[in-house]
Amino acid sequence: MDFRLFLNNKTRIDADDVVKLRREVFDDMIVSLAEADGVFALNDQIEDTCLEWRQFFVESMVDYCVNQAKPHGYVSATNAGWLKDRISKDGHVKSCTELELLVKIIERAHSVPETLASFALSEVAHAVIEGNGALMDNSALTPGVIGKPEAQMIRRIMYGVGADGQVKISQAEVEVLFDLNDRTSEADNHPEWNDVFVKAVAAYLMMAAGYASLSRQEALRRESWLDEEAESDVAGLLSRTLSSFGELMRNGDWSQAFQDETAANNETWRQRNREDELDMIAAEPVTQSEAMWLSERIGRDGVLHENEKALLAYINQEADHIDPALKPLIEKVA
């Protein structure tokens, strides 16, 4: 869809234009691939935009990537590849708006391909090391130093995958954290980075065997069954209700304030759930394979960094059982 023609080939997008676009895109409560491509094309072509546009851009693209394809809430490898192609230039995310979109999708989805979360982390790491990149639009970066905004962005990515309340952290993501820690170990990093690093790596080690996420295939099977069993009168009532609510959404009057407040409340509860879950990691042991991996990874650059000492001390205090393979390192910080 060519939204440039829809907006009479304007060179600036203002708040009134966003209201028109909302009505057009959300008219049938479905963001199609054509509409998603059209919104992306508009975002690429017009530089003079407003805050309302950036909010609409992120909201509509999250809706397309997370909610439209079945099973709802699961980002497929195809959609993840499409997203990376659209938000990247020369291998990196183009702006902070696209990075915010990427992180929002990770936060809202029940599951995303591991490559998507690793890509997001790598972009933050690139911005930290090089002092430029997608974060530059919103914050002044000091090359080689992890500030509070960067630490908070990393926290969102690490704890974002799992809108069902479960923290799912992969080894690939943890490897990015270790690489970033190695390269900034002597820097004046914000204290929040220490907490993010320690808790995220500990969560990977002590929760990896404690939760198995539902696959896309199983979620699709269950969703198809629910669709078949749903009674038509209930579906009709829900459709009419959503249609009425959608009309209010498209008008763009009070809806944005309502969405912002709801999103803030949801994020508060998600954060509380993540914190509660991290408090329960003591129930999981550190296995032999995990202990051997951690011993090799910590010693890879020949230096035991302060964050790594803090990690070992945390594991020693919180883990229910620690394999003997990790004991020599534990004894160094005991």
C-alpha atoms as a PDB file:
ATOM      1  CA  MET A   1       0.000   0.000   0.000  1.00  0.00           C
ATOM      2  CA  ASP A   2       1.339   3.436  -0.943  1.00  0.00           C
ATOM      3  CA  PHE A   3       0.514   5.638   2.024  1.00  0.00           C
ATOM      4  CA  ARG A   4       2.354   8.543   0.386  1.00  0.00           C
ATOM      5  CA  LEU A   5      -0.538   8.809  -2.041  1.00  0.00           C
ATOM      6  CA  PHE A   6      -3.004   8.338   0.819  1.00  0.00           C
ATOM      7  CA  LEU A   7      -1.435  11.368   2.523  1.00  0.00           C
ATOM      8  CA  ASN A   8      -1.250  13.339  -0.744  1.00  0.00           C
ATOM      9  CA  ASN A   9       2.528  12.927  -1.038  1.00  0.00           C
ATOM     10  CA  LYS A  10       3.240  15.049   2.028  1.00  0.00           C
ATOM     11  CA  THR A  11       6.847  15.409   3.154  1.00  0.00           C
ATOM     12  CA  ARG A  12       5.961  15.617   6.867  1.00  0.00           C
ATOM     13  CA  ILE A  13       3.762  13.406   9.044  1.00  0.00           C
ATOM     14  CA  ASP A  14       1.847  15.225  11.775  1.00  0.00           C
ATOM     15  CA  ALA A  15      -0.616  14.095  14.455  1.00  0.00           C
ATOM     16  CA  ASP A  16      -3.642  14.522  12.135  1.00  0.00           C
ATOM     17  CA  ASP A  17      -2.000  12.281   9.544  1.00  0.00           C
ATOM     18  CA  VAL A  18      -1.481   9.619  12.198  1.00  0.00           C
ATOM     19  CA  VAL A  19      -5.206   9.660  13.031  1.00  0.00           C
ATOM     20  CA  LYS A  20      -5.986   9.022   9.342  1.00  0.00           C
ATOM     21  CA  LEU A  21      -3.429   6.232   9.173  1.00  0.00           C
ATOM     22  CA  ARG A  22      -4.809   4.598  12.307  1.00  0.00           C
ATOM     23  CA  ARG A  23      -8.272   4.488  10.764  1.00  0.00           C
ATOM     24  CA  GLU A  24      -6.892   3.034   7.541  1.00  0.00           C
ATOM     25  CA  VAL A  25      -4.603   0.393   9.061  1.00  0.00           C
ATOM     26  CA  PHE A  26      -6.841  -0.719  11.937  1.00  0.00           C
ATOM     27  CA  ASP A  27     -10.126  -0.480  10.024  1.00  0.00           C
ATOM     28  CA  ASP A  28     -10.609  -4.268   9.997  1.00  0.00           C
ATOM     29  CA  MET A  29      -8.556  -4.880  13.182  1.00  0.00           C
ATOM     30  CA  ILE A  30      -5.957  -6.704  11.073  1.00  0.00           C
ATOM     31  CA  VAL A  31      -2.573  -5.351  10.005  1.00  0.00           C
ATOM     32  CA  SER A  32      -1.860  -7.059   6.687  1.00  0.00           C
ATOM     33  CA  LEU A  33       1.546  -7.649   5.117  1.00  0.00           C
ATOM     34  CA  ALA A  34       0.760  -5.002   2.497  1.00  0.00           C
ATOM     35  CA  GLU A  35      -0.101  -2.491   5.215  1.00  0.00           C
ATOM     36  CA  ALA A  36       2.997  -3.392   7.224  1.00  0.00           C
ATOM     37  CA  ASP A  37       5.199  -2.908   4.157  1.00  0.00           C
ATOM     38  CA  GLY A  38       3.441   0.399   3.476  1.00  0.00           C
ATOM     39  CA  VAL A  39       4.021   1.686   7.000  1.00  0.00           C
ATOM     40  CA  PHE A  40       7.693   0.681   6.825  1.00  0.00           C
ATOM     41  CA  ALA A  41       8.086   2.377   3.444  1.00  0.00           C
ATOM     42  CA  LEU A  42       6.613   5.573   4.855  1.00  0.00           C
ATOM     43  CA  ASN A  43       8.935   5.401   7.862  1.00  0.00           C
ATOM     44  CA  ASP A  44      11.933   4.972   5.533  1.00  0.00           C
ATOM     45  CA  GLN A  45      10.969   7.782   3.177  1.00  0.00           C
ATOM     46  CA  ILE A  46       9.793  10.574   5.474  1.00  0.00           C
ATOM     47  CA  GLU A  47      12.258  11.912   8.029  1.00  0.00           C
ATOM     48  CA  ASP A  48      10.113  14.770   9.350  1.00  0.00           C
ATOM     49  CA  THR A  49       7.736  12.957  11.698  1.00  0.00           C
ATOM     50  CA  CYS A  50       6.181  13.438  15.131  1.00  0.00           C
ATOM     51  CA  LEU A  51       5.953  11.507  18.405  1.00  0.00           C
ATOM     52  CA  GLU A  52       2.484  10.224  17.474  1.00  0.00           C
ATOM     53  CA  TRP A  53       3.934   8.695  14.300  1.00  0.00           C
ATOM     54  CA  ARG A  54       6.679   6.872  16.172  1.00  0.00           C
ATOM     55  CA  GLN A  55       4.124   5.484  18.632  1.00  0.00           C
ATOM     56  CA  PHE A  56       1.852   4.373  15.785  1.00  0.00           C
ATOM     57  CA  PHE A  57       4.753   2.841  13.864  1.00  0.00           C
ATOM     58  CA  VAL A  58       5.871   0.701  16.799  1.00  0.00           C
ATOM     59  CA  GLU A  59       2.316  -0.243  17.795  1.00  0.00           C
ATOM     60  CA  SER A  60       1.209  -1.313  14.315  1.00  0.00           C
ATOM     61  CA  MET A  61       4.375  -3.273  13.561  1.00  0.00           C
ATOM     62  CA  VAL A  62       4.240  -5.079  16.921  1.00  0.00           C
ATOM     63  CA  ASP A  63       0.632  -5.969  16.149  1.00  0.00           C
ATOM     64  CA  TYR A  64       1.598  -7.373  12.753  1.00  0.00           C
ATOM     65  CA  CYS A  65       4.608  -9.375  13.947  1.00  0.00           C
ATOM     66  CA  VAL A  66       3.125 -10.708  17.200  1.00  0.00           C
ATOM     67  CA  ASN A  67      -0.654 -10.858  16.854  1.00  0.00           C
ATOM     68  CA  GLN A  68      -1.578 -11.481  13.209  1.00  0.00           C
ATOM     69  CA  ALA A  69       0.080 -14.758  12.219  1.00  0.00           C
ATOM     70  CA  LYS A  70      -1.106 -17.911  13.948  1.00  0.00           C
ATOM     71  CA  PRO A  71      -0.394 -19.026  16.563  1.00  0.00           C
ATOM     72  CA  HIS A  72      -0.855 -15.569  18.038  1.00  0.00           C
ATOM     73  CA  GLY A  73       2.033 -14.393  20.198  1.00  0.00           C
ATOM     74  CA  TYR A  74       4.682 -16.502  18.437  1.00  0.00           C
ATOM     75  CA  VAL A  75       7.058 -14.740  16.055  1.00  0.00           C
ATOM     76  CA  SER A  76       7.954 -17.113  13.239  1.00  0.00           C
ATOM     77  CA  ALA A  77      11.406 -17.378  11.705  1.00  0.00           C
ATOM     78  CA  THR A  78       9.927 -15.927   8.498  1.00  0.00           C
ATOM     79  CA  ASN A  79       8.538 -12.860  10.248  1.00  0.00           C
ATOM     80  CA  ALA A  80      11.765 -12.463  12.228  1.00  0.00           C
ATOM     81  CA  GLY A  81      13.758 -12.466   8.988  1.00  0.00           C
ATOM     82  CA  TRP A  82      11.345  -9.980   7.398  1.00  0.00           C
ATOM     83  CA  LEU A  83      11.687  -7.703  10.421  1.00  0.00           C
ATOM     84  CA  LYS A  84      15.494  -7.801  10.441  1.00  0.00           C
ATOM     85  CA  ASP A  85      15.579  -6.963   6.742  1.00  0.00           C
ATOM     86  CA  ARG A  86      13.244  -3.991   7.219  1.00  0.00           C
ATOM     87  CA  ILE A  87      14.927  -2.416  10.241  1.00  0.00           C
ATOM     88  CA  SER A  88      18.562  -2.988   9.202  1.00  0.00           C
ATOM     89  CA  LYS A  89      21.009  -1.084   7.067  1.00  0.00           C
ATOM     90  CA  ASP A  90      24.555  -2.349   6.542  1.00  0.00           C
ATOM     91  CA  GLY A  91      23.896  -5.023   9.154  1.00  0.00           C
ATOM     92  CA  HIS A  92      22.768  -2.655  11.928  1.00  0.00           C
ATOM     93  CA  VAL A  93      19.446  -1.279  13.176  1.00  0.00           C
ATOM     94  CA  LYS A  94      18.785   2.067  11.500  1.00  0.00           C
ATOM     95  CA  SER A  95      17.434   4.154  14.394  1.00  0.00           C
ATOM     96  CA  CYS A  96      16.262   4.108  18.004  1.00  0.00           C
ATOM     97  CA  THR A  97      12.657   3.809  16.767  1.00  0.00           C
ATOM     98  CA  GLU A  98      13.448   0.552  14.980  1.00  0.00           C
ATOM     99  CA  LEU A  99      15.395  -0.686  18.019  1.00  0.00           C
ATOM    100  CA  GLU A 100      12.424   0.129  20.263  1.00  0.00           C
ATOM    101  CA  LEU A 101      10.202  -1.821  17.860  1.00  0.00           C
ATOM    102  CA  LEU A 102      12.528  -4.816  18.057  1.00  0.00           C
ATOM    103  CA  VAL A 103      12.614  -4.760  21.863  1.00  0.00           C
ATOM    104  CA  LYS A 104       8.828  -4.288  22.119  1.00  0.00           C
ATOM    105  CA  ILE A 105       8.285  -7.369  19.970  1.00  0.00           C
ATOM    106  CA  ILE A 106      10.622  -9.363  22.204  1.00  0.00           C
ATOM    107  CA  GLU A 107       8.713  -8.130  25.268  1.00  0.00           C
ATOM    108  CA  ARG A 108       5.220  -8.763  23.900  1.00  0.00           C
ATOM    109  CA  ALA A 109       5.695 -12.139  22.210  1.00  0.00           C
ATOM    110  CA  HIS A 110       5.386 -15.461  23.996  1.00  0.00           C
ATOM    111  CA  SER A 111       8.326 -16.687  21.947  1.00  0.00           C
ATOM    112  CA  VAL A 112      10.719 -15.313  19.330  1.00  0.00           C
ATOM    113  CA  PRO A 113      13.583 -17.033  17.486  1.00  0.00           C
ATOM    114  CA  GLU A 114      16.773 -16.903  19.555  1.00  0.00           C
ATOM    115  CA  THR A 115      18.480 -15.102  16.697  1.00  0.00           C
ATOM    116  CA  LEU A 116      16.175 -12.107  17.130  1.00  0.00           C
ATOM    117  CA  ALA A 117      17.026 -11.565  20.804  1.00  0.00           C
ATOM    118  CA  SER A 118      20.737 -12.108  20.084  1.00  0.00           C
ATOM    119  CA  PHE A 119      20.540  -9.571  17.260  1.00  0.00           C
ATOM    120  CA  ALA A 120      18.966  -6.987  19.598  1.00  0.00           C
ATOM    121  CA  LEU A 121      21.649  -7.563  22.230  1.00  0.00           C
ATOM    122  CA  SER A 122      24.398  -7.347  19.625  1.00  0.00           C
ATOM    123  CA  GLU A 123      23.046  -3.967  18.490  1.00  0.00           C
ATOM    124  CA  VAL A 124      23.196  -2.585  22.025  1.00  0.00           C
ATOM    125  CA  ALA A 125      26.691  -4.017  22.433  1.00  0.00           C
ATOM    126  CA  HIS A 126      27.762  -2.392  19.146  1.00  0.00           C
ATOM    127  CA  ALA A 127      26.407   0.966  20.317  1.00  0.00           C
ATOM    128  CA  VAL A 128      28.279   0.629  23.612  1.00  0.00           C
ATOM    129  CA  ILE A 129      31.639  -0.366  22.111  1.00  0.00           C
ATOM    130  CA  GLU A 130      31.585   2.006  19.137  1.00  0.00           C
ATOM    131  CA  GLY A 131      29.791   4.901  20.844  1.00  0.00           C
ATOM    132  CA  ASN A 132      27.266   5.154  18.039  1.00  0.00           C
ATOM    133  CA  GLY A 133      24.338   3.292  16.580  1.00  0.00           C
ATOM    134  CA  ALA A 134      20.638   2.959  17.246  1.00  0.00           C
ATOM    135  CA  LEU A 135      20.883   4.204  20.839  1.00  0.00           C
ATOM    136  CA  MET A 136      22.443   7.506  19.821  1.00  0.00           C
ATOM    137  CA  ASP A 137      19.097   9.122  19.005  1.00  0.00           C
ATOM    138  CA  ASN A 138      18.036   9.011  22.641  1.00  0.00           C
ATOM    139  CA  SER A 139      21.214   9.136  24.676  1.00  0.00           C
ATOM    140  CA  ALA A 140      24.776  10.363  24.551  1.00  0.00           C
ATOM    141  CA  LEU A 141      27.080   7.360  24.494  1.00  0.00           C
ATOM    142  CA  THR A 142      30.608   7.101  25.834  1.00  0.00           C
ATOM    143  CA  PRO A 143      32.509   4.516  23.752  1.00  0.00           C
ATOM    144  CA  GLY A 144      33.368   1.451  25.811  1.00  0.00           C
ATOM    145  CA  VAL A 145      31.179   2.393  28.789  1.00  0.00           C
ATOM    146  CA  ILE A 146      27.817   0.867  29.755  1.00  0.00           C
ATOM    147  CA  GLY A 147      25.586   3.630  31.085  1.00  0.00           C
ATOM    148  CA  LYS A 148      22.242   3.270  32.817  1.00  0.00           C
ATOM    149  CA  PRO A 149      20.135   3.514  29.587  1.00  0.00           C
ATOM    150  CA  GLU A 150      22.199   0.783  27.945  1.00  0.00           C
ATOM    151  CA  ALA A 151      21.975  -1.466  31.022  1.00  0.00           C
ATOM    152  CA  GLN A 152      18.211  -0.967  31.162  1.00  0.00           C
ATOM    153  CA  MET A 153      17.854  -1.787  27.464  1.00  0.00           C
ATOM    154  CA  ILE A 154      19.849  -4.982  27.955  1.00  0.00           C
ATOM    155  CA  ARG A 155      17.630  -5.905  30.911  1.00  0.00           C
ATOM    156  CA  ARG A 156      14.504  -5.441  28.786  1.00  0.00           C
ATOM    157  CA  ILE A 157      15.869  -7.709  26.076  1.00  0.00           C
ATOM    158  CA  MET A 158      17.093 -10.432  28.443  1.00  0.00           C
ATOM    159  CA  TYR A 159      13.891 -10.617  30.459  1.00  0.00           C
ATOM    160  CA  GLY A 160      11.550  -9.740  27.613  1.00  0.00           C
ATOM    161  CA  VAL A 161      11.298 -13.098  25.851  1.00  0.00           C
ATOM    162  CA  GLY A 162       8.445 -14.800  27.631  1.00  0.00           C
ATOM    163  CA  ALA A 163       5.308 -12.703  27.870  1.00  0.00           C
ATOM    164  CA  ASP A 164       3.798 -15.704  29.696  1.00  0.00           C
ATOM    165  CA  GLY A 165       5.888 -14.799  32.732  1.00  0.00           C
ATOM    166  CA  GLN A 166       8.720 -17.258  32.109  1.00  0.00           C
ATOM    167  CA  VAL A 167      12.281 -16.038  31.634  1.00  0.00           C
ATOM    168  CA  LYS A 168      13.911 -17.838  28.702  1.00  0.00           C
ATOM    169  CA  ILE A 169      17.568 -16.922  28.192  1.00  0.00           C
ATOM    170  CA  SER A 170      19.692 -18.694  25.591  1.00  0.00           C
ATOM    171  CA  GLN A 171      23.409 -19.454  25.588  1.00  0.00           C
ATOM    172  CA  ALA A 172      23.841 -17.216  22.536  1.00  0.00           C
ATOM    173  CA  GLU A 173      22.467 -14.265  24.489  1.00  0.00           C
ATOM    174  CA  VAL A 174      24.683 -15.010  27.486  1.00  0.00           C
ATOM    175  CA  GLU A 175      27.726 -15.203  25.184  1.00  0.00           C
ATOM    176  CA  VAL A 176      26.965 -11.645  24.040  1.00  0.00           C
ATOM    177  CA  LEU A 177      26.859 -10.516  27.675  1.00  0.00           C
ATOM    178  CA  PHE A 178      30.204 -12.167  28.431  1.00  0.00           C
ATOM    179  CA  ASP A 179      31.824 -10.591  25.349  1.00  0.00           C
ATOM    180  CA  LEU A 180      30.495  -7.183  26.367  1.00  0.00           C
ATOM    181  CA  ASN A 181      31.683  -7.693  29.927  1.00  0.00           C
ATOM    182  CA  ASP A 182      35.173  -8.669  28.739  1.00  0.00           C
ATOM    183  CA  ARG A 183      35.437  -5.539  26.591  1.00  0.00           C
ATOM    184  CA  THR A 184      34.187  -3.114  29.270  1.00  0.00           C
ATOM    185  CA  SER A 185      35.614  -4.693  32.427  1.00  0.00           C
ATOM    186  CA  GLU A 186      37.904  -1.743  33.151  1.00  0.00           C
ATOM    187  CA  ALA A 187      35.312   0.922  32.317  1.00  0.00           C
ATOM    188  CA  ASP A 188      33.292   3.037  34.710  1.00  0.00           C
ATOM    189  CA  ASN A 189      30.078   1.160  34.014  1.00  0.00           C
ATOM    190  CA  HIS A 190      26.797   1.967  35.736  1.00  0.00           C
ATOM    191  CA  PRO A 191      26.140  -0.307  38.774  1.00  0.00           C
ATOM    192  CA  GLU A 192      22.970  -1.614  37.123  1.00  0.00           C
ATOM    193  CA  TRP A 193      25.127  -3.449  34.572  1.00  0.00           C
ATOM    194  CA  ASN A 194      26.580  -5.625  37.349  1.00  0.00           C
ATOM    195  CA  ASP A 195      23.090  -6.630  38.463  1.00  0.00           C
ATOM    196  CA  VAL A 196      21.908  -7.330  34.902  1.00  0.00           C
ATOM    197  CA  PHE A 197      24.968  -9.445  34.079  1.00  0.00           C
ATOM    198  CA  VAL A 198      24.895 -11.506  37.271  1.00  0.00           C
ATOM    199  CA  LYS A 199      21.134 -12.156  37.322  1.00  0.00           C
ATOM    200  CA  ALA A 200      20.848 -12.926  33.608  1.00  0.00           C
ATOM    201  CA  VAL A 201      23.730 -15.435  33.538  1.00  0.00           C
ATOM    202  CA  ALA A 202      22.503 -17.034  36.769  1.00  0.00           C
ATOM    203  CA  ALA A 203      19.000 -17.308  35.328  1.00  0.00           C
ATOM    204  CA  TYR A 204      20.369 -19.059  32.252  1.00  0.00           C
ATOM    205  CA  LEU A 205      22.382 -21.535  34.340  1.00  0.00           C
ATOM    206  CA  MET A 206      19.860 -22.287  37.051  1.00  0.00           C
ATOM    207  CA  MET A 207      16.617 -22.106  35.115  1.00  0.00           C
ATOM    208  CA  ALA A 208      17.601 -23.712  31.808  1.00  0.00           C
ATOM    209  CA  ALA A 209      16.227 -27.096  32.872  1.00  0.00           C
ATOM    210  CA  GLY A 210      13.328 -25.733  34.874  1.00  0.00           C
ATOM    211  CA  TYR A 211      11.030 -24.644  32.080  1.00  0.00           C
ATOM    212  CA  ALA A 212      10.251 -25.896  28.597  1.00  0.00           C
ATOM    213  CA  SER A 213       8.496 -23.327  26.458  1.00  0.00           C
ATOM    214  CA  LEU A 214       5.531 -24.292  24.312  1.00  0.00           C
ATOM    215  CA  SER A 215       6.562 -24.777  20.687  1.00  0.00           C
ATOM    216  CA  ARG A 216       4.902 -22.845  17.858  1.00  0.00           C
ATOM    217  CA  GLN A 217       3.589 -26.104  16.431  1.00  0.00           C
ATOM    218  CA  GLU A 218       1.917 -27.138  19.696  1.00  0.00           C
ATOM    219  CA  ALA A 219       0.541 -23.637  20.248  1.00  0.00           C
ATOM    220  CA  LEU A 220      -0.897 -23.665  16.717  1.00  0.00           C
ATOM    221  CA  ARG A 221      -2.524 -27.051  17.315  1.00  0.00           C
ATOM    222  CA  ARG A 222      -4.134 -25.860  20.536  1.00  0.00           C
ATOM    223  CA  GLU A 223      -5.283 -22.603  18.964  1.00  0.00           C
ATOM    224  CA  SER A 224      -6.849 -24.446  16.020  1.00  0.00           C
ATOM    225  CA  TRP A 225      -8.714 -26.703  18.428  1.00  0.00           C
ATOM    226  CA  LEU A 226     -10.033 -23.721  20.355  1.00  0.00           C
ATOM    227  CA  ASP A 227     -11.155 -22.086  17.121  1.00  0.00           C
ATOM    228  CA  GLU A 228     -13.093 -25.201  16.157  1.00  0.00           C
ATOM    229  CA  GLU A 229     -14.725 -25.527  19.579  1.00  0.00           C
ATOM    230  CA  ALA A 230     -15.695 -21.873  19.987  1.00  0.00           C
ATOM    231  CA  GLU A 231     -19.443 -21.293  19.873  1.00  0.00           C
ATOM    232  CA  SER A 232     -20.588 -18.965  17.128  1.00  0.00           C
ATOM    233  CA  ASP A 233     -22.712 -16.746  19.397  1.00  0.00           C
ATOM    234  CA  VAL A 234     -19.764 -16.137  21.743  1.00  0.00           C
ATOM    235  CA  ALA A 235     -17.507 -15.400  18.780  1.00  0.00           C
ATOM    236  CA  GLY A 236     -20.090 -13.038  17.342  1.00  0.00           C
ATOM    237  CA  LEU A 237     -20.428 -11.152  20.605  1.00  0.00           C
ATOM    238  CA  LEU A 238     -16.673 -10.842  20.914  1.00  0.00           C
ATOM    239  CA  SER A 239     -16.427  -9.638  17.325  1.00  0.00           C
ATOM    240  CA  ARG A 240     -19.057  -6.953  17.859  1.00  0.00           C
ATOM    241  CA  THR A 241     -17.355  -5.841  21.071  1.00  0.00           C
ATOM    242  CA  LEU A 242     -13.948  -5.617  19.426  1.00  0.00           C
ATOM    243  CA  SER A 243     -15.450  -3.790  16.471  1.00  0.00           C
ATOM    244  CA  SER A 244     -16.936  -1.112  18.728  1.00  0.00           C
ATOM    245  CA  PHE A 245     -13.709  -0.770  20.649  1.00  0.00           C
ATOM    246  CA  GLY A 246     -11.749  -0.704  17.400  1.00  0.00           C
ATOM    247  CA  GLU A 247     -13.808   2.251  16.181  1.00  0.00           C
ATOM    248  CA  LEU A 248     -12.790   4.210  19.257  1.00  0.00           C
ATOM    249  CA  MET A 249      -9.172   3.148  18.737  1.00  0.00           C
ATOM    250  CA  ARG A 250      -9.137   4.333  15.139  1.00  0.00           C
ATOM    251  CA  ASN A 251     -10.534   7.739  16.013  1.00  0.00           C
ATOM    252  CA  GLY A 252      -7.331   8.485  17.874  1.00  0.00           C
ATOM    253  CA  ASP A 253      -8.919  10.665  20.598  1.00  0.00           C
ATOM    254  CA  TRP A 254      -8.754   9.171  24.103  1.00  0.00           C
ATOM    255  CA  SER A 255      -7.401   5.826  22.942  1.00  0.00           C
ATOM    256  CA  GLN A 256      -3.690   6.642  23.057  1.00  0.00           C
ATOM    257  CA  ALA A 257      -3.849   7.774  26.669  1.00  0.00           C
ATOM    258  CA  PHE A 258      -5.757   4.595  27.549  1.00  0.00           C
ATOM    259  CA  GLN A 259      -3.211   2.431  25.728  1.00  0.00           C
ATOM    260  CA  ASP A 260      -0.279   4.176  27.396  1.00  0.00           C
ATOM    261  CA  GLU A 261      -1.751   3.669  30.868  1.00  0.00           C
ATOM    262  CA  THR A 262      -2.609   0.033  30.159  1.00  0.00           C
ATOM    263  CA  ALA A 263       0.859  -0.643  28.742  1.00  0.00           C
ATOM    264  CA  ALA A 264       2.469   0.962  31.788  1.00  0.00           C
ATOM    265  CA  ASN A 265       0.386  -1.184  34.160  1.00  0.00           C
ATOM    266  CA  ASN A 266       1.144  -4.338  32.186  1.00  0.00           C
ATOM    267  CA  GLU A 267       4.857  -3.572  32.169  1.00  0.00           C
ATOM    268  CA  THR A 268       4.785  -3.051  35.951  1.00  0.00           C
ATOM    269  CA  TRP A 269       3.261  -6.480  36.485  1.00  0.00           C
ATOM    270  CA  ARG A 270       5.589  -8.124  33.964  1.00  0.00           C
ATOM    271  CA  GLN A 271       8.585  -6.656  35.778  1.00  0.00           C
ATOM    272  CA  ARG A 272       7.268  -7.884  39.137  1.00  0.00           C
ATOM    273  CA  ASN A 273       6.764 -11.369  37.699  1.00  0.00           C
ATOM    274  CA  ARG A 274      10.315 -11.399  36.311  1.00  0.00           C
ATOM    275  CA  GLU A 275      11.750 -10.277  39.633  1.00  0.00           C
ATOM    276  CA  ASP A 276       9.707 -12.915  41.495  1.00  0.00           C
ATOM    277  CA  GLU A 277      10.918 -15.597  39.112  1.00  0.00           C
ATOM    278  CA  LEU A 278      14.543 -14.589  39.468  1.00  0.00           C
ATOM    279  CA  ASP A 279      14.106 -14.877  43.231  1.00  0.00           C
ATOM    280  CA  MET A 280      13.200 -18.558  42.743  1.00  0.00           C
ATOM    281  CA  ILE A 281      16.281 -19.636  40.797  1.00  0.00           C
ATOM    282  CA  ALA A 282      17.775 -21.230  43.901  1.00  0.00           C
ATOM    283  CA  ALA A 283      15.552 -24.240  43.255  1.00  0.00           C
ATOM    284  CA  GLU A 284      17.651 -25.259  40.240  1.00  0.00           C
ATOM    285  CA  PRO A 285      21.092 -26.922  40.456  1.00  0.00           C
ATOM    286  CA  VAL A 286      24.123 -26.086  38.316  1.00  0.00           C
ATOM    287  CA  THR A 287      24.754 -29.251  36.313  1.00  0.00           C
ATOM    288  CA  GLN A 288      28.089 -30.686  35.217  1.00  0.00           C
ATOM    289  CA  SER A 289      27.744 -29.483  31.627  1.00  0.00           C
ATOM    290  CA  GLU A 290      26.768 -25.989  32.817  1.00  0.00           C
ATOM    291  CA  ALA A 291      29.640 -25.892  35.309  1.00  0.00           C
ATOM    292  CA  MET A 292      32.145 -26.916  32.654  1.00  0.00           C
ATOM    293  CA  TRP A 293      30.805 -24.350  30.191  1.00  0.00           C
ATOM    294  CA  LEU A 294      30.957 -21.555  32.794  1.00  0.00           C
ATOM    295  CA  SER A 295      34.488 -22.500  33.859  1.00  0.00           C
ATOM    296  CA  GLU A 296      35.685 -22.363  30.249  1.00  0.00           C
ATOM    297  CA  ARG A 297      33.824 -19.144  29.491  1.00  0.00           C
ATOM    298  CA  ILE A 298      35.029 -17.238  32.539  1.00  0.00           C
ATOM    299  CA  GLY A 299      38.639 -18.185  31.915  1.00  0.00           C
ATOM    300  CA  ARG A 300      38.588 -17.494  28.184  1.00  0.00           C
ATOM    301  CA  ASP A 301      40.472 -14.189  28.392  1.00  0.00           C
ATOM    302  CA  GLY A 302      42.667 -15.267  31.297  1.00  0.00           C
ATOM    303  CA  VAL A 303      41.202 -12.726  33.728  1.00  0.00           C
ATOM    304  CA  LEU A 304      38.616 -13.179  36.477  1.00  0.00           C
ATOM    305  CA  HIS A 305      36.659  -9.915  36.244  1.00  0.00           C
ATOM    306  CA  GLU A 306      34.753  -8.294  39.097  1.00  0.00           C
ATOM    307  CA  ASN A 307      31.356  -9.050  37.546  1.00  0.00           C
ATOM    308  CA  GLU A 308      32.404 -12.683  37.137  1.00  0.00           C
ATOM    309  CA  LYS A 309      33.446 -12.834  40.784  1.00  0.00           C
ATOM    310  CA  ALA A 310      30.046 -11.421  41.714  1.00  0.00           C
ATOM    311  CA  LEU A 311      28.376 -14.053  39.510  1.00  0.00           C
ATOM    312  CA  LEU A 312      30.261 -16.909  41.189  1.00  0.00           C
ATOM    313  CA  ALA A 313      29.464 -15.562  44.648  1.00  0.00           C
ATOM    314  CA  TYR A 314      25.787 -15.282  43.707  1.00  0.00           C
ATOM    315  CA  ILE A 315      25.667 -18.834  42.381  1.00  0.00           C
ATOM    316  CA  ASN A 316      27.452 -20.127  45.484  1.00  0.00           C
ATOM    317  CA  GLN A 317      24.864 -18.447  47.681  1.00  0.00           C
ATOM    318  CA  GLU A 318      21.716 -19.204  45.683  1.00  0.00           C
ATOM    319  CA  ALA A 319      22.146 -22.531  43.897  1.00  0.00           C
ATOM    320  CA  ASP A 320      20.626 -25.612  45.484  1.00  0.00           C
ATOM    321  CA  HIS A 321      23.496 -27.782  44.203  1.00  0.00           C
ATOM    322  CA  ILE A 322      26.718 -26.928  42.361  1.00  0.00           C
ATOM    323  CA  ASP A 323      28.622 -29.515  40.354  1.00  0.00           C
ATOM    324  CA  PRO A 324      32.202 -30.080  41.628  1.00  0.00           C
ATOM    325  CA  ALA A 325      33.596 -28.906  38.257  1.00  0.00           C
ATOM    326  CA  LEU A 326      32.833 -25.340  39.317  1.00  0.00           C
ATOM    327  CA  LYS A 327      34.294 -25.651  42.821  1.00  0.00           C
ATOM    328  CA  PRO A 328      37.816 -24.397  41.983  1.00  0.00           C
ATOM    329  CA  LEU A 329      36.442 -21.098  40.685  1.00  0.00           C
ATOM    330  CA  ILE A 330      33.982 -20.821  43.576  1.00  0.00           C
ATOM    331  CA  GLU A 331      36.835 -21.223  46.046  1.00  0.00           C
ATOM    332  CA  LYS A 332      38.670 -18.261  44.485  1.00  0.00           C
ATOM    333  CA  VAL A 333      35.871 -15.882  45.504  1.00  0.00           C
ATOM    334  CA  ALA A 334      34.796 -17.607  48.732  1.00  0.00           C
END
